[in-house]
Amino acid sequence: MPTAMWWFIGAACGQLLLAAVLLRTRSRERGTEEPPQPQALALLRGGRRAAVTVALVALHQRGAVAAGRKHTIRANGGPGRTRDPVQLGVHGALDRAFRLRDLAQRPEARRAVDTLSGELRGAGLLRPRTRLWAARVLLGCVPVTVLAGAYATGRSGTTAVGALAAGTLPVLAAVVLLRLPSATPAARRLLSALRERYPLPAHRREVTDGKLVQLYVALYGDPALRLFLPRFSRDGGLLDRPREVDGFRPPDGGGGDAGPGAVGGRC
């Protein structure tokens, strides 16, 4: 392999190293501090859509939203007694019925979730946006650098193949780093600890606290929706997406939602 190719591989490794530095995030020790609210936990687990889903669960428990026609969500009165910004933003966006994917992109909902994201970045639970994108740009440059080196130094087919083979390792490392989620290791440890503390129950009758329903939906996503609010989730289109890969088998939550006053319905 030409000596010049090692310069390109060195440049690719330098891009990898700088991207790894950018992806490192310090987080404050939480100690005995209260865990984040359910919308924040959902955002860490599944992003914007998951946070909006938990907000809808909380609003539905108070009778503020209901399933509309054709798998949409509609407002069903005022937001109730809540000061939660995400819930207020989501409810304020429901000037008409929306599908979940459209509701999550409404300006009122986006602003509320973006504010929450900023708070989580400040706590070291989400990677800073600018650093994340800068790291991804650098990682995207790694295969380009390797290919450029192989093209510039490969004077024969055999030489080019050898140059590409030498650049395989940094390219694979870049792919691995590109797959890192926005949530930091501290956030993943927090979610894991809460899942261990609050395992998903076998039946919804085991839970008598509406706030816990929100927590379960935040931690487990679709399996918790099917367990606690099967009718609202189905009719409102909350399950109209590829099943989330969070490592849990959806339990059989057959039957309708609990009625008013019950944990899975309005409360």
Protein backbone atom coordinates (compact mmCIF):
# COMPACT_ATOMS: atom_id res chain seq x y z
CA MET A 1 0.00 0.00 0.00
CA PRO A 2 1.42 3.45 -0.88
CA THR A 3 2.80 5.45 2.03
CA ALA A 4 0.56 8.38 1.08
CA MET A 5 -2.52 6.30 1.90
CA TRP A 6 -1.50 6.24 5.55
CA TRP A 7 -1.86 10.02 5.60
CA PHE A 8 -5.49 9.67 4.52
CA ILE A 9 -6.09 6.95 7.11
CA GLY A 10 -4.48 9.17 9.74
CA ALA A 11 -6.80 12.01 8.72
CA ALA A 12 -9.80 9.68 9.02
CA CYS A 13 -8.65 8.59 12.49
CA GLY A 14 -8.26 12.22 13.46
CA GLN A 15 -11.85 12.89 12.39
CA LEU A 16 -12.95 9.92 14.48
CA LEU A 17 -11.08 11.17 17.53
CA LEU A 18 -12.49 14.69 17.26
CA ALA A 19 -16.02 13.31 16.80
CA ALA A 20 -15.62 11.10 19.88
CA VAL A 21 -14.54 14.14 21.92
CA LEU A 22 -17.58 16.07 20.72
CA LEU A 23 -19.89 13.20 21.65
CA ARG A 24 -18.61 13.04 25.22
CA THR A 25 -21.06 14.73 27.61
CA ARG A 26 -20.65 15.41 31.29
CA SER A 27 -23.71 14.91 33.46
CA ARG A 28 -24.43 16.13 36.93
CA GLU A 29 -24.72 13.55 39.69
CA ARG A 30 -28.43 13.18 40.47
CA GLY A 31 -28.01 11.59 43.92
CA THR A 32 -31.37 11.63 45.68
CA GLU A 33 -32.77 14.16 43.23
CA GLU A 34 -36.26 13.41 41.91
CA PRO A 35 -36.26 11.75 38.46
CA PRO A 36 -37.49 13.83 35.50
CA GLN A 37 -41.19 14.07 34.74
CA PRO A 38 -42.76 11.41 32.49
CA GLN A 39 -42.64 13.63 29.36
CA ALA A 40 -38.91 14.13 29.90
CA LEU A 41 -38.30 10.39 30.36
CA ALA A 42 -40.28 9.67 27.20
CA LEU A 43 -38.20 12.21 25.30
CA LEU A 44 -35.02 10.48 26.44
CA ARG A 45 -36.37 7.07 25.41
CA GLY A 46 -38.13 7.77 22.15
CA GLY A 47 -37.76 11.40 21.12
CA ARG A 48 -40.35 14.07 20.35
CA ARG A 49 -43.17 11.73 19.40
CA ALA A 50 -42.84 9.75 22.62
CA ALA A 51 -42.95 12.93 24.71
CA VAL A 52 -46.12 14.11 22.93
CA THR A 53 -47.68 10.67 23.46
CA VAL A 54 -47.18 10.84 27.23
CA ALA A 55 -48.61 14.37 27.28
CA LEU A 56 -51.68 13.05 25.45
CA VAL A 57 -52.04 10.25 28.01
CA ALA A 58 -52.04 12.80 30.84
CA LEU A 59 -54.55 15.01 29.01
CA HIS A 60 -56.77 12.02 28.25
CA GLN A 61 -56.79 11.03 31.91
CA ARG A 62 -58.33 14.44 32.68
CA GLY A 63 -60.78 14.20 29.78
CA ALA A 64 -59.05 17.03 27.90
CA VAL A 65 -58.47 15.04 24.69
CA ALA A 66 -60.19 12.13 22.99
CA ALA A 67 -59.79 9.96 19.93
CA GLY A 68 -61.14 11.58 16.79
CA ARG A 69 -62.12 10.16 13.42
CA LYS A 70 -59.67 8.17 11.29
CA HIS A 71 -57.08 7.67 14.02
CA THR A 72 -56.75 11.31 15.04
CA ILE A 73 -56.67 13.15 18.36
CA ARG A 74 -59.02 16.03 19.16
CA ALA A 75 -59.46 18.43 22.04
CA ASN A 76 -62.31 17.59 24.39
CA GLY A 77 -62.46 20.70 26.55
CA GLY A 78 -59.86 22.68 28.45
CA PRO A 79 -56.49 21.26 29.52
CA GLY A 80 -57.56 21.09 33.16
CA ARG A 81 -55.41 22.00 36.12
CA THR A 82 -51.92 21.60 34.77
CA ARG A 83 -48.89 23.83 34.49
CA ASP A 84 -46.88 21.32 32.53
CA PRO A 85 -45.54 23.18 29.45
CA VAL A 86 -45.58 20.15 27.17
CA GLN A 87 -49.16 19.25 28.04
CA LEU A 88 -50.24 22.85 27.55
CA GLY A 89 -48.35 23.09 24.27
CA VAL A 90 -49.85 19.86 22.94
CA HIS A 91 -53.37 20.85 23.98
CA GLY A 92 -52.91 24.33 22.52
CA ALA A 93 -51.95 22.78 19.17
CA LEU A 94 -55.28 20.91 18.93
CA ASP A 95 -57.30 23.61 17.19
CA ARG A 96 -58.63 20.70 15.13
CA ALA A 97 -58.12 16.96 15.04
CA PHE A 98 -54.61 15.80 14.11
CA ARG A 99 -52.79 12.54 13.61
CA LEU A 100 -50.03 12.00 16.14
CA ARG A 101 -47.19 12.51 13.66
CA ASP A 102 -48.70 15.85 12.57
CA LEU A 103 -49.48 16.95 16.10
CA ALA A 104 -45.87 16.39 17.16
CA GLN A 105 -44.76 18.85 14.46
CA ARG A 106 -47.22 21.61 15.32
CA PRO A 107 -45.44 24.84 16.38
CA GLU A 108 -46.99 24.91 19.86
CA ALA A 109 -45.99 21.32 20.57
CA ARG A 110 -42.54 21.70 18.99
CA ARG A 111 -41.69 24.77 21.07
CA ALA A 112 -42.73 23.04 24.30
CA VAL A 113 -40.73 19.89 23.54
CA ASP A 114 -37.72 21.92 22.36
CA THR A 115 -37.72 23.80 25.67
CA LEU A 116 -37.79 20.49 27.52
CA SER A 117 -34.94 19.22 25.33
CA GLY A 118 -32.88 22.25 26.29
CA GLU A 119 -33.41 21.52 29.97
CA LEU A 120 -32.30 17.91 29.49
CA ARG A 121 -29.21 19.03 27.58
CA GLY A 122 -28.36 21.34 30.44
CA ALA A 123 -28.63 18.38 32.80
CA GLY A 124 -26.31 16.28 30.62
CA LEU A 125 -29.04 13.80 29.68
CA LEU A 126 -29.14 14.79 25.99
CA ARG A 127 -26.12 15.56 23.85
CA PRO A 128 -25.80 19.26 22.88
CA ARG A 129 -27.35 19.78 19.46
CA THR A 130 -24.45 21.67 17.86
CA ARG A 131 -21.85 19.19 19.11
CA LEU A 132 -24.00 16.26 17.98
CA TRP A 133 -24.37 17.59 14.44
CA ALA A 134 -20.71 18.58 14.24
CA ALA A 135 -19.72 15.07 15.29
CA ARG A 136 -22.03 13.54 12.69
CA VAL A 137 -20.55 15.71 9.95
CA LEU A 138 -17.06 14.59 10.94
CA LEU A 139 -18.12 10.94 11.02
CA GLY A 140 -19.69 11.29 7.59
CA CYS A 141 -16.36 12.59 6.30
CA VAL A 142 -14.49 9.45 7.41
CA PRO A 143 -15.57 7.16 4.52
CA VAL A 144 -15.15 10.07 2.09
CA THR A 145 -11.56 10.53 3.28
CA VAL A 146 -10.80 6.82 2.93
CA LEU A 147 -12.30 6.67 -0.58
CA ALA A 148 -10.42 9.80 -1.60
CA GLY A 149 -7.19 8.27 -0.38
CA ALA A 150 -7.83 5.02 -2.24
CA TYR A 151 -8.60 6.94 -5.44
CA ALA A 152 -5.61 9.26 -5.12
CA THR A 153 -3.04 6.59 -4.26
CA GLY A 154 -4.38 3.45 -5.93
CA ARG A 155 -2.53 3.15 -9.25
CA SER A 156 -3.71 -0.41 -9.78
CA GLY A 157 -6.73 -2.43 -8.84
CA THR A 158 -4.82 -4.46 -6.28
CA THR A 159 -3.41 -1.34 -4.64
CA ALA A 160 -6.84 0.28 -4.46
CA VAL A 161 -8.33 -2.81 -2.83
CA GLY A 162 -5.54 -2.87 -0.26
CA ALA A 163 -6.04 0.81 0.49
CA LEU A 164 -9.78 0.31 1.00
CA ALA A 165 -9.14 -2.71 3.23
CA ALA A 166 -6.79 -0.63 5.38
CA GLY A 167 -9.49 2.00 5.75
CA THR A 168 -12.19 -0.49 6.79
CA LEU A 169 -11.57 -0.15 10.53
CA PRO A 170 -12.04 3.66 10.78
CA VAL A 171 -15.11 3.43 8.55
CA LEU A 172 -16.69 0.77 10.79
CA ALA A 173 -15.86 2.84 13.87
CA ALA A 174 -17.57 5.84 12.25
CA VAL A 175 -20.70 3.75 11.59
CA VAL A 176 -20.81 2.65 15.23
CA LEU A 177 -20.49 6.24 16.49
CA LEU A 178 -23.14 7.45 14.03
CA ARG A 179 -25.59 5.03 15.63
CA LEU A 180 -25.16 6.54 19.09
CA PRO A 181 -28.48 7.98 20.30
CA SER A 182 -28.97 11.59 21.34
CA ALA A 183 -29.47 10.41 24.92
CA THR A 184 -26.26 10.26 26.92
CA PRO A 185 -25.00 7.23 28.89
CA ALA A 186 -26.28 8.94 32.05
CA ALA A 187 -29.78 9.07 30.52
CA ARG A 188 -29.64 5.43 29.54
CA ARG A 189 -28.53 4.47 33.04
CA LEU A 190 -31.42 6.49 34.47
CA LEU A 191 -33.96 4.78 32.21
CA SER A 192 -32.52 1.36 33.03
CA ALA A 193 -32.66 2.04 36.77
CA LEU A 194 -36.27 3.21 36.56
CA ARG A 195 -37.28 0.18 34.50
CA GLU A 196 -35.71 -2.03 37.14
CA ARG A 197 -37.56 -0.15 39.87
CA TYR A 198 -40.86 -0.07 37.95
CA PRO A 199 -41.22 -3.29 35.92
CA LEU A 200 -44.22 -3.32 33.62
CA PRO A 201 -47.07 -5.04 35.50
CA ALA A 202 -48.86 -8.06 34.10
CA HIS A 203 -52.30 -6.44 34.40
CA ARG A 204 -53.49 -2.84 34.56
CA ARG A 205 -55.51 -3.54 37.73
CA GLU A 206 -52.19 -3.71 39.59
CA VAL A 207 -51.76 0.08 39.11
CA THR A 208 -54.06 2.47 40.93
CA ASP A 209 -52.21 5.75 40.34
CA GLY A 210 -52.74 7.68 37.10
CA LYS A 211 -49.31 9.28 37.41
CA LEU A 212 -47.77 5.82 37.38
CA VAL A 213 -49.55 5.09 34.09
CA GLN A 214 -47.77 8.07 32.56
CA LEU A 215 -44.48 6.81 33.96
CA TYR A 216 -45.01 3.32 32.51
CA VAL A 217 -45.86 4.77 29.09
CA ALA A 218 -42.77 6.98 29.28
CA LEU A 219 -40.52 4.02 30.12
CA TYR A 220 -42.02 1.28 27.94
CA GLY A 221 -43.87 2.96 25.08
CA ASP A 222 -46.30 0.81 23.08
CA PRO A 223 -46.52 -2.15 25.51
CA ALA A 224 -47.74 0.20 28.26
CA LEU A 225 -50.20 1.90 25.90
CA ARG A 226 -51.68 -1.46 24.95
CA LEU A 227 -51.92 -2.45 28.59
CA PHE A 228 -53.44 0.68 30.13
CA LEU A 229 -55.21 2.52 27.30
CA PRO A 230 -55.84 0.04 24.48
CA ARG A 231 -58.97 1.70 23.06
CA PHE A 232 -57.70 5.29 23.18
CA SER A 233 -54.33 4.22 21.77
CA ARG A 234 -55.92 2.26 18.94
CA ASP A 235 -58.65 4.73 18.00
CA GLY A 236 -56.40 7.76 18.45
CA GLY A 237 -53.65 6.33 16.24
CA LEU A 238 -51.00 6.29 18.96
CA LEU A 239 -49.91 2.84 17.76
CA ASP A 240 -49.88 3.71 14.03
CA ARG A 241 -46.13 3.39 13.54
CA PRO A 242 -43.47 0.68 13.43
CA ARG A 243 -43.24 -0.96 16.82
CA GLU A 244 -40.59 0.62 18.99
CA VAL A 245 -37.56 -1.57 19.70
CA ASP A 246 -37.24 -1.27 23.43
CA GLY A 247 -36.78 -4.90 24.35
CA PHE A 248 -40.16 -5.66 25.88
CA ARG A 249 -42.88 -7.99 24.65
CA PRO A 250 -46.25 -6.19 24.50
CA PRO A 251 -48.59 -7.74 27.05
CA ASP A 252 -52.15 -8.66 26.24
CA GLY A 253 -54.08 -5.56 27.22
CA GLY A 254 -57.36 -6.67 25.72
CA GLY A 255 -60.55 -4.86 26.41
CA GLY A 256 -61.37 -1.19 26.45
CA ASP A 257 -59.93 1.66 28.46
CA ALA A 258 -60.95 2.03 32.05
CA GLY A 259 -63.82 4.37 32.56
CA PRO A 260 -63.80 7.82 34.20
CA GLY A 261 -62.19 7.76 37.58
CA ALA A 262 -60.12 4.65 36.82
CA VAL A 263 -56.41 4.68 36.43
CA GLY A 264 -56.33 4.05 32.67
CA GLY A 265 -59.08 6.53 31.84
CA ARG A 266 -59.92 9.98 33.13
CA CYS A 267 -58.75 10.82 36.61
